Amino acid sequence: MQRAIELALQGLRENSGGPFGAVIVRDDRIVAEGWNQVTSTNDPTAHAEIVAIRNACSALNRLNLPDCDIYTNCEPCPMCLGAIYWARLRTIYYSSTRADAARIGFNDDLIYKEVALPPELRKIPTIRIVEPRSDFRLQRVAKLSGKEALLIQSLLVRADEGHRANGNVMRIFGRNRSTMQSAKVAADASKNGRFDRRLPPGGNQHS
């Protein structure tokens, strides 16, 4: 926590962004650090926790961090909290609260309240555009048989254990157009990193 606070003060002195810092720890060792870089990079997503997660995933060469903890000098905003869940970090440690942040002009509580509202009641207009092709794709993936879904999951587990998916994936799914793309994504992704066998809340990870 002391290091997270140091990073927050360092970033503030260097005019990088707001007074926020974060570190990610694995086996009692800091594997990645981050501090708020919003104003210096013109990137509204460059919060301390996001930067630390990006650096940790790069350093460990994987997209999941289930054996890591994050220490941040302030309670994460909704965006950072979402990223922490997607990265599957084990524990969040924080010092200052969202109320403390609001007192110096960082009103994360507003976004927390907005997220809890139905889309039509949020301050930023959120309008659904019905696109049949989008619904169709989602429905086709949802209709994967249990056997097909388990096979894709087993490929991810094998990749997590250091194996590589191969051409068998496409041969298995090639006869089924509805699952061909899912199989290709699984095969291609396994070449570029390690996978955690757990799925995030609500289903498959997406962007």
Protein backbone atom coordinates (compact mmCIF):
# COMPACT_ATOMS: atom_id res chain seq x y z
CA MET A 1 0.00 0.00 0.00
CA GLN A 2 2.88 2.35 0.77
CA ARG A 3 4.20 1.87 -2.77
CA ALA A 4 0.77 2.60 -4.25
CA ILE A 5 0.66 5.85 -2.28
CA GLU A 6 4.19 6.74 -3.42
CA LEU A 7 3.17 6.20 -7.05
CA ALA A 8 0.10 8.40 -6.56
CA LEU A 9 2.24 11.25 -5.22
CA GLN A 10 4.89 10.73 -7.89
CA GLY A 11 2.32 10.92 -10.67
CA LEU A 12 0.84 14.05 -9.17
CA ARG A 13 4.26 15.73 -8.93
CA GLU A 14 5.01 14.81 -12.56
CA ASN A 15 1.61 16.10 -13.68
CA SER A 16 0.71 12.69 -15.10
CA GLY A 17 -2.87 12.76 -13.83
CA GLY A 18 -4.91 12.43 -10.68
CA PRO A 19 -3.45 11.36 -7.30
CA PHE A 20 -3.92 7.64 -7.72
CA GLY A 21 -1.49 4.73 -7.71
CA ALA A 22 -1.75 0.96 -7.76
CA VAL A 23 0.45 -2.10 -7.56
CA ILE A 24 -0.23 -5.75 -8.34
CA VAL A 25 1.32 -8.35 -6.06
CA ARG A 26 2.00 -12.04 -6.64
CA ASP A 27 3.68 -14.27 -4.07
CA ASP A 28 4.48 -11.23 -1.89
CA ARG A 29 6.30 -9.54 -4.76
CA ILE A 30 5.22 -6.52 -6.80
CA VAL A 31 4.90 -7.65 -10.42
CA ALA A 32 3.45 -4.43 -11.86
CA GLU A 33 2.80 -0.81 -10.99
CA GLY A 34 0.56 1.91 -12.34
CA TRP A 35 -0.42 5.48 -11.68
CA ASN A 36 -3.07 7.73 -13.15
CA GLN A 37 -1.97 8.97 -16.59
CA VAL A 38 -5.23 10.38 -17.88
CA THR A 39 -4.17 13.96 -18.57
CA SER A 40 -0.62 13.23 -19.70
CA THR A 41 -1.72 10.67 -22.31
CA ASN A 42 -5.15 12.10 -23.18
CA ASP A 43 -6.56 8.69 -22.33
CA PRO A 44 -9.61 8.74 -20.04
CA THR A 45 -9.15 5.02 -19.37
CA ALA A 46 -5.56 5.35 -18.10
CA HIS A 47 -6.48 5.02 -14.42
CA ALA A 48 -3.90 3.63 -12.03
CA GLU A 49 -5.59 0.24 -11.70
CA ILE A 50 -6.04 -0.14 -15.47
CA VAL A 51 -2.41 0.74 -16.13
CA ALA A 52 -1.26 -1.70 -13.43
CA ILE A 53 -3.42 -4.49 -14.87
CA ARG A 54 -2.09 -3.89 -18.38
CA ASN A 55 1.48 -3.95 -17.09
CA ALA A 56 0.88 -7.11 -15.03
CA CYS A 57 -0.68 -8.99 -17.93
CA SER A 58 2.23 -7.95 -20.14
CA ALA A 59 4.84 -8.92 -17.55
CA LEU A 60 3.26 -12.31 -16.83
CA ASN A 61 2.25 -12.90 -20.46
CA ARG A 62 -1.33 -13.84 -19.66
CA LEU A 63 -4.73 -12.22 -19.53
CA ASN A 64 -5.93 -13.55 -16.16
CA LEU A 65 -4.46 -12.74 -12.75
CA PRO A 66 -6.25 -15.08 -10.31
CA ASP A 67 -3.14 -15.54 -8.16
CA CYS A 68 -2.53 -11.80 -7.80
CA ASP A 69 -3.82 -9.04 -5.50
CA ILE A 70 -4.17 -5.34 -6.27
CA TYR A 71 -3.32 -2.55 -3.84
CA THR A 72 -4.65 0.90 -4.70
CA ASN A 73 -4.56 4.09 -2.67
CA CYS A 74 -8.25 4.75 -3.38
CA GLU A 75 -11.38 2.65 -3.85
CA PRO A 76 -11.61 1.72 -7.55
CA CYS A 77 -14.05 3.53 -9.81
CA PRO A 78 -16.66 1.42 -11.67
CA MET A 79 -14.48 1.15 -14.78
CA CYS A 80 -11.49 -0.09 -12.78
CA LEU A 81 -13.66 -2.40 -10.73
CA GLY A 82 -14.94 -3.95 -13.95
CA ALA A 83 -11.38 -4.41 -15.22
CA ILE A 84 -10.39 -6.03 -11.93
CA TYR A 85 -13.24 -8.53 -12.29
CA TRP A 86 -12.33 -9.27 -15.91
CA ALA A 87 -8.69 -9.79 -14.92
CA ARG A 88 -9.96 -12.04 -12.11
CA LEU A 89 -7.70 -10.56 -9.48
CA ARG A 90 -7.94 -12.33 -6.15
CA THR A 91 -8.28 -9.47 -3.65
CA ILE A 92 -8.64 -5.67 -3.71
CA TYR A 93 -6.92 -3.65 -1.00
CA TYR A 94 -7.64 0.10 -0.87
CA SER A 95 -7.16 3.03 1.50
CA SER A 96 -9.26 6.11 0.68
CA THR A 97 -12.94 5.69 -0.19
CA ARG A 98 -15.02 6.89 -3.12
CA ALA A 99 -16.46 9.54 -0.78
CA ASP A 100 -12.92 10.81 -0.12
CA ALA A 101 -12.32 10.99 -3.89
CA ALA A 102 -15.59 12.88 -4.42
CA ARG A 103 -14.49 15.55 -1.96
CA ILE A 104 -11.56 16.46 -4.23
CA GLY A 105 -13.59 16.40 -7.43
CA PHE A 106 -13.48 12.76 -8.53
CA ASN A 107 -17.13 11.80 -8.26
CA ASP A 108 -17.03 8.06 -8.96
CA ASP A 109 -20.20 7.64 -6.93
CA LEU A 110 -22.18 9.26 -9.76
CA ILE A 111 -21.10 6.50 -12.14
CA TYR A 112 -21.84 3.80 -9.57
CA LYS A 113 -25.40 5.16 -9.38
CA GLU A 114 -25.70 5.44 -13.16
CA VAL A 115 -24.64 1.83 -13.72
CA ALA A 116 -27.39 0.66 -11.38
CA LEU A 117 -30.07 2.45 -13.41
CA PRO A 118 -31.94 1.01 -16.40
CA PRO A 119 -30.29 2.30 -19.63
CA GLU A 120 -33.20 4.57 -20.50
CA LEU A 121 -32.82 6.47 -17.20
CA ARG A 122 -29.10 7.24 -17.45
CA LYS A 123 -27.81 10.77 -18.03
CA ILE A 124 -26.01 9.79 -21.23
CA PRO A 125 -28.65 8.68 -23.76
CA THR A 126 -28.31 4.94 -24.24
CA ILE A 127 -30.25 3.81 -27.30
CA ARG A 128 -30.66 0.25 -28.47
CA ILE A 129 -30.38 -0.29 -32.24
CA VAL A 130 -31.93 -3.64 -33.10
CA GLU A 131 -29.65 -5.45 -35.54
CA PRO A 132 -30.92 -8.94 -36.46
CA ARG A 133 -27.48 -10.15 -37.52
CA SER A 134 -26.07 -9.37 -34.09
CA ASP A 135 -28.87 -11.23 -32.32
CA PHE A 136 -28.53 -14.13 -34.75
CA ARG A 137 -24.80 -14.54 -34.01
CA LEU A 138 -25.39 -14.49 -30.27
CA GLN A 139 -28.21 -17.02 -30.59
CA ARG A 140 -26.05 -19.37 -32.65
CA VAL A 141 -23.30 -19.30 -30.02
CA ALA A 142 -25.88 -19.80 -27.28
CA LYS A 143 -27.10 -22.94 -29.07
CA LEU A 144 -23.76 -24.72 -28.84
CA SER A 145 -24.36 -28.23 -27.61
CA GLY A 146 -22.99 -29.17 -24.23
CA LYS A 147 -20.37 -31.34 -25.94
CA GLU A 148 -19.18 -28.50 -28.17
CA ALA A 149 -19.06 -26.01 -25.30
CA LEU A 150 -17.10 -28.45 -23.14
CA LEU A 151 -14.67 -29.07 -25.99
CA ILE A 152 -13.95 -25.36 -26.41
CA GLN A 153 -13.53 -25.06 -22.64
CA SER A 154 -11.14 -28.03 -22.59
CA LEU A 155 -9.01 -26.33 -25.24
CA LEU A 156 -8.72 -23.25 -23.05
CA VAL A 157 -7.78 -25.41 -20.06
CA ARG A 158 -5.14 -27.22 -22.12
CA ALA A 159 -3.75 -23.85 -23.21
CA ASP A 160 -3.68 -22.78 -19.57
CA GLU A 161 -1.59 -25.84 -18.78
CA GLY A 162 0.96 -24.98 -21.44
CA HIS A 163 -0.38 -26.95 -24.41
CA ARG A 164 -1.25 -25.48 -27.79
CA ALA A 165 -4.50 -25.91 -29.65
CA ASN A 166 -3.95 -27.15 -33.20
CA GLY A 167 -5.63 -27.87 -36.49
CA ASN A 168 -7.81 -30.51 -34.87
CA VAL A 169 -9.99 -27.69 -33.62
CA MET A 170 -10.95 -26.62 -37.10
CA ARG A 171 -11.39 -30.21 -38.28
CA ILE A 172 -13.74 -30.89 -35.36
CA PHE A 173 -15.83 -27.77 -35.90
CA GLY A 174 -15.40 -27.35 -39.65
CA ARG A 175 -18.57 -29.24 -40.44
CA ASN A 176 -20.61 -26.92 -38.23
CA ARG A 177 -20.73 -23.34 -39.51
CA SER A 178 -22.36 -22.04 -36.35
CA THR A 179 -19.31 -22.97 -34.27
CA MET A 180 -16.52 -22.51 -36.80
CA GLN A 181 -15.74 -18.94 -35.73
CA SER A 182 -15.79 -19.78 -32.03
CA ALA A 183 -13.36 -22.61 -32.66
CA LYS A 184 -11.04 -20.40 -34.68
CA VAL A 185 -11.02 -17.76 -31.93
CA ALA A 186 -10.14 -20.42 -29.36
CA ALA A 187 -7.38 -21.87 -31.52
CA ASP A 188 -5.87 -18.51 -32.43
CA ALA A 189 -6.08 -17.11 -28.92
CA SER A 190 -4.30 -20.09 -27.42
CA LYS A 191 -1.20 -19.17 -29.40
CA ASN A 192 -0.93 -15.79 -27.71
CA GLY A 193 -1.29 -16.39 -24.00
CA ARG A 194 -2.40 -18.51 -21.11
CA PHE A 195 -6.02 -18.93 -20.17
CA ASP A 196 -7.73 -19.16 -16.84
CA ARG A 197 -10.25 -21.99 -16.83
CA ARG A 198 -12.94 -19.96 -15.04
CA LEU A 199 -15.41 -17.84 -16.96
CA PRO A 200 -16.23 -14.30 -15.76
CA PRO A 201 -19.64 -13.58 -14.30
CA GLY A 202 -22.35 -13.68 -16.95
CA GLY A 203 -20.63 -15.86 -19.55
CA ASN A 204 -17.82 -15.56 -22.07
CA GLN A 205 -15.48 -12.61 -22.03
CA HIS A 206 -16.10 -10.03 -24.71
CA SER A 207 -14.97 -6.55 -25.65
